[in-house]
Every structure is written in C-alpha cells, then in structure tokens.
Amino acid sequence: MAKYKSTPFYEIEGNGVRVKFDFFGEYETNKADEIAALNALCPTWVVCIDPTGAIEPKPEEPAKPARKSSAK
C-alpha cells in the first residue's frame, strides 16, 4: 500500500483514474494505475510519504569517466 500527501480535497481525474485526497490531504492505494498516476505528479503536486508498494523510480545512470587530456 502506497501513501501520498497533498493539499486537502485535491482531486485527480483522467486516464480512467479518479483520486480524491481526504480532509488531511492524505490518500492510500494499492492499485497500480493509481500509483502510476500519483508518481507522475511527484514531487510537484503530490508527495509520496510511504512508498510501500509504489513503483520504483528509474535508477540513475552511472557517471561517465572523465575525459583524459592528450599530451602534446
């Protein structure tokens, strides 16, 4: 179950998903389509406060090695 926080009564509707935050601005779900929609809004409009069951973020790409200077 993933838990999110936003402004009270914030509502998201679209792509077959309808989510409405409660009086405290909290929402819990275990539905994959709702989790995907909410994660797309993080961190601008929604904050994930308990990511249990949430979709994992993409791993960061490894840093590229520094370019060596050529000796002249």
N, C-alpha and C. Protein backbone atom coordinates (compact mmCIF):
# COMPACT_ATOMS: atom_id res chain seq x y z
N MET A 1 0.85 -1.17 0.00
CA MET A 1 0.00 0.00 0.00
C MET A 1 0.89 1.23 0.00
N ALA A 2 0.64 2.12 -0.92
CA ALA A 2 1.39 3.38 -1.02
C ALA A 2 0.54 4.50 -0.42
N LYS A 3 1.21 5.44 0.25
CA LYS A 3 0.51 6.54 0.90
C LYS A 3 1.06 7.86 0.37
N TYR A 4 0.16 8.77 0.02
CA TYR A 4 0.52 10.06 -0.56
C TYR A 4 -0.07 11.20 0.23
N LYS A 5 0.54 12.38 0.09
CA LYS A 5 0.06 13.57 0.78
C LYS A 5 0.04 14.73 -0.22
N SER A 6 -1.03 15.53 -0.14
CA SER A 6 -1.18 16.71 -0.97
C SER A 6 -2.06 17.69 -0.20
N THR A 7 -2.57 18.70 -0.88
CA THR A 7 -3.48 19.63 -0.21
C THR A 7 -4.81 18.93 0.04
N PRO A 8 -5.53 19.30 1.11
CA PRO A 8 -6.81 18.67 1.40
C PRO A 8 -7.79 18.77 0.23
N PHE A 9 -8.48 17.69 -0.01
CA PHE A 9 -9.51 17.57 -1.05
C PHE A 9 -8.97 17.73 -2.47
N TYR A 10 -7.66 17.62 -2.66
CA TYR A 10 -7.07 17.67 -4.00
C TYR A 10 -7.63 16.49 -4.79
N GLU A 11 -8.00 16.72 -6.04
CA GLU A 11 -8.63 15.67 -6.84
C GLU A 11 -7.92 15.53 -8.18
N ILE A 12 -7.70 14.27 -8.58
CA ILE A 12 -7.07 13.95 -9.85
C ILE A 12 -8.06 13.08 -10.62
N GLU A 13 -8.31 13.44 -11.87
CA GLU A 13 -9.22 12.65 -12.69
C GLU A 13 -8.71 12.65 -14.12
N GLY A 14 -8.57 11.47 -14.68
CA GLY A 14 -8.13 11.34 -16.06
C GLY A 14 -7.51 9.99 -16.31
N ASN A 15 -7.52 9.57 -17.56
CA ASN A 15 -6.96 8.27 -17.96
C ASN A 15 -7.56 7.11 -17.17
N GLY A 16 -8.83 7.21 -16.86
CA GLY A 16 -9.51 6.13 -16.15
C GLY A 16 -9.20 6.08 -14.67
N VAL A 17 -8.55 7.10 -14.13
CA VAL A 17 -8.19 7.14 -12.71
C VAL A 17 -8.88 8.34 -12.06
N ARG A 18 -9.49 8.09 -10.91
CA ARG A 18 -10.08 9.18 -10.14
C ARG A 18 -9.61 9.04 -8.70
N VAL A 19 -8.89 10.04 -8.23
CA VAL A 19 -8.32 10.04 -6.89
C VAL A 19 -8.73 11.32 -6.19
N LYS A 20 -9.20 11.21 -4.96
CA LYS A 20 -9.55 12.40 -4.17
C LYS A 20 -8.91 12.26 -2.79
N PHE A 21 -8.10 13.25 -2.43
CA PHE A 21 -7.44 13.26 -1.12
C PHE A 21 -8.45 13.64 -0.05
N ASP A 22 -8.23 13.16 1.17
CA ASP A 22 -9.18 13.41 2.26
C ASP A 22 -8.95 14.77 2.92
N PHE A 23 -9.63 15.00 4.03
CA PHE A 23 -9.58 16.24 4.78
C PHE A 23 -8.15 16.59 5.22
N PHE A 24 -7.34 15.58 5.49
CA PHE A 24 -5.95 15.79 5.92
C PHE A 24 -4.99 15.86 4.74
N GLY A 25 -5.49 15.68 3.53
CA GLY A 25 -4.64 15.71 2.35
C GLY A 25 -3.89 14.42 2.14
N GLU A 26 -4.43 13.31 2.62
CA GLU A 26 -3.77 12.01 2.50
C GLU A 26 -4.59 11.06 1.64
N TYR A 27 -3.90 10.13 0.98
CA TYR A 27 -4.57 9.13 0.16
C TYR A 27 -3.73 7.86 0.17
N GLU A 28 -4.36 6.70 0.35
CA GLU A 28 -3.68 5.41 0.34
C GLU A 28 -4.28 4.56 -0.76
N THR A 29 -3.42 3.81 -1.45
CA THR A 29 -3.90 2.94 -2.51
C THR A 29 -2.93 1.78 -2.73
N ASN A 30 -3.45 0.71 -3.30
CA ASN A 30 -2.60 -0.39 -3.72
C ASN A 30 -2.87 -0.73 -5.19
N LYS A 31 -3.60 0.14 -5.89
CA LYS A 31 -3.91 -0.05 -7.30
C LYS A 31 -2.77 0.51 -8.15
N ALA A 32 -2.25 -0.32 -9.04
CA ALA A 32 -1.08 0.05 -9.84
C ALA A 32 -1.35 1.27 -10.71
N ASP A 33 -2.55 1.39 -11.29
CA ASP A 33 -2.82 2.53 -12.16
C ASP A 33 -2.88 3.84 -11.38
N GLU A 34 -3.41 3.80 -10.16
CA GLU A 34 -3.44 5.00 -9.31
C GLU A 34 -2.04 5.37 -8.85
N ILE A 35 -1.24 4.37 -8.50
CA ILE A 35 0.14 4.62 -8.06
C ILE A 35 0.94 5.26 -9.19
N ALA A 36 0.77 4.76 -10.41
CA ALA A 36 1.49 5.33 -11.56
C ALA A 36 1.08 6.78 -11.79
N ALA A 37 -0.22 7.06 -11.70
CA ALA A 37 -0.71 8.43 -11.90
C ALA A 37 -0.18 9.37 -10.82
N LEU A 38 -0.17 8.92 -9.57
CA LEU A 38 0.31 9.75 -8.47
C LEU A 38 1.82 9.95 -8.53
N ASN A 39 2.55 8.90 -8.90
CA ASN A 39 4.01 9.02 -9.00
C ASN A 39 4.40 10.00 -10.11
N ALA A 40 3.57 10.11 -11.15
CA ALA A 40 3.85 11.06 -12.23
C ALA A 40 3.73 12.50 -11.74
N LEU A 41 2.98 12.73 -10.66
CA LEU A 41 2.79 14.06 -10.11
C LEU A 41 3.77 14.40 -8.99
N CYS A 42 4.58 13.43 -8.59
CA CYS A 42 5.57 13.66 -7.53
C CYS A 42 6.78 14.36 -8.11
N PRO A 43 7.45 15.21 -7.43
CA PRO A 43 7.13 15.85 -6.16
C PRO A 43 6.44 17.19 -6.33
N THR A 44 6.02 17.55 -7.55
CA THR A 44 5.43 18.86 -7.79
C THR A 44 4.11 19.08 -7.06
N TRP A 45 3.15 18.16 -7.21
CA TRP A 45 1.82 18.34 -6.63
C TRP A 45 1.53 17.35 -5.51
N VAL A 46 2.22 16.23 -5.49
CA VAL A 46 1.94 15.16 -4.53
C VAL A 46 3.27 14.69 -3.95
N VAL A 47 3.25 14.31 -2.67
CA VAL A 47 4.43 13.78 -2.00
C VAL A 47 4.14 12.35 -1.57
N CYS A 48 5.04 11.43 -1.92
CA CYS A 48 4.89 10.03 -1.51
C CYS A 48 5.50 9.90 -0.12
N ILE A 49 4.65 9.62 0.90
CA ILE A 49 5.15 9.54 2.27
C ILE A 49 5.37 8.11 2.72
N ASP A 50 4.80 7.13 2.02
CA ASP A 50 5.05 5.72 2.32
C ASP A 50 5.05 4.97 1.00
N PRO A 51 6.24 4.74 0.42
CA PRO A 51 6.29 4.15 -0.91
C PRO A 51 6.07 2.65 -0.97
N THR A 52 5.68 2.02 0.13
CA THR A 52 5.47 0.58 0.13
C THR A 52 4.46 0.23 -0.95
N GLY A 53 4.89 -0.59 -1.89
CA GLY A 53 4.02 -0.97 -2.99
C GLY A 53 4.07 0.00 -4.14
N ALA A 54 4.78 1.10 -3.98
CA ALA A 54 4.87 2.10 -5.05
C ALA A 54 5.82 1.61 -6.13
N ILE A 55 5.65 2.13 -7.31
CA ILE A 55 6.51 1.79 -8.43
C ILE A 55 7.88 2.39 -8.18
N GLU A 56 8.91 1.58 -8.37
CA GLU A 56 10.27 2.03 -8.12
C GLU A 56 10.70 3.07 -9.15
N PRO A 57 11.41 4.12 -8.72
CA PRO A 57 11.91 5.10 -9.68
C PRO A 57 13.03 4.49 -10.51
N LYS A 58 13.28 5.08 -11.68
CA LYS A 58 14.35 4.60 -12.55
C LYS A 58 15.69 4.82 -11.87
N PRO A 59 16.61 3.84 -11.96
CA PRO A 59 17.94 4.03 -11.37
C PRO A 59 18.71 5.07 -12.16
N GLU A 60 19.58 5.78 -11.46
CA GLU A 60 20.39 6.80 -12.11
C GLU A 60 21.46 6.13 -12.97
N GLU A 61 21.78 6.79 -14.08
CA GLU A 61 22.83 6.26 -14.95
C GLU A 61 24.18 6.46 -14.28
N PRO A 62 25.10 5.50 -14.43
CA PRO A 62 26.43 5.67 -13.85
C PRO A 62 27.15 6.84 -14.50
N ALA A 63 27.98 7.48 -13.72
CA ALA A 63 28.72 8.64 -14.21
C ALA A 63 29.72 8.21 -15.29
N LYS A 64 29.85 9.04 -16.31
CA LYS A 64 30.81 8.74 -17.37
C LYS A 64 32.21 9.08 -16.88
N PRO A 65 33.22 8.28 -17.27
CA PRO A 65 34.58 8.58 -16.83
C PRO A 65 35.05 9.92 -17.41
N ALA A 66 35.92 10.57 -16.66
CA ALA A 66 36.45 11.87 -17.09
C ALA A 66 37.29 11.69 -18.35
N ARG A 67 37.24 12.67 -19.19
CA ARG A 67 37.98 12.62 -20.43
C ARG A 67 39.45 12.93 -20.16
N LYS A 68 40.33 12.11 -20.69
CA LYS A 68 41.77 12.33 -20.49
C LYS A 68 42.27 13.36 -21.48
N SER A 69 43.14 14.23 -20.99
CA SER A 69 43.71 15.23 -21.90
C SER A 69 44.86 14.60 -22.69
N SER A 70 45.00 15.04 -23.91
CA SER A 70 46.07 14.47 -24.75
C SER A 70 47.37 15.24 -24.52
N ALA A 71 48.46 14.50 -24.44
CA ALA A 71 49.77 15.13 -24.24
C ALA A 71 50.30 15.61 -25.59
N LYS A 72 50.78 16.83 -25.66
CA LYS A 72 51.30 17.37 -26.92
C LYS A 72 52.76 17.71 -26.79
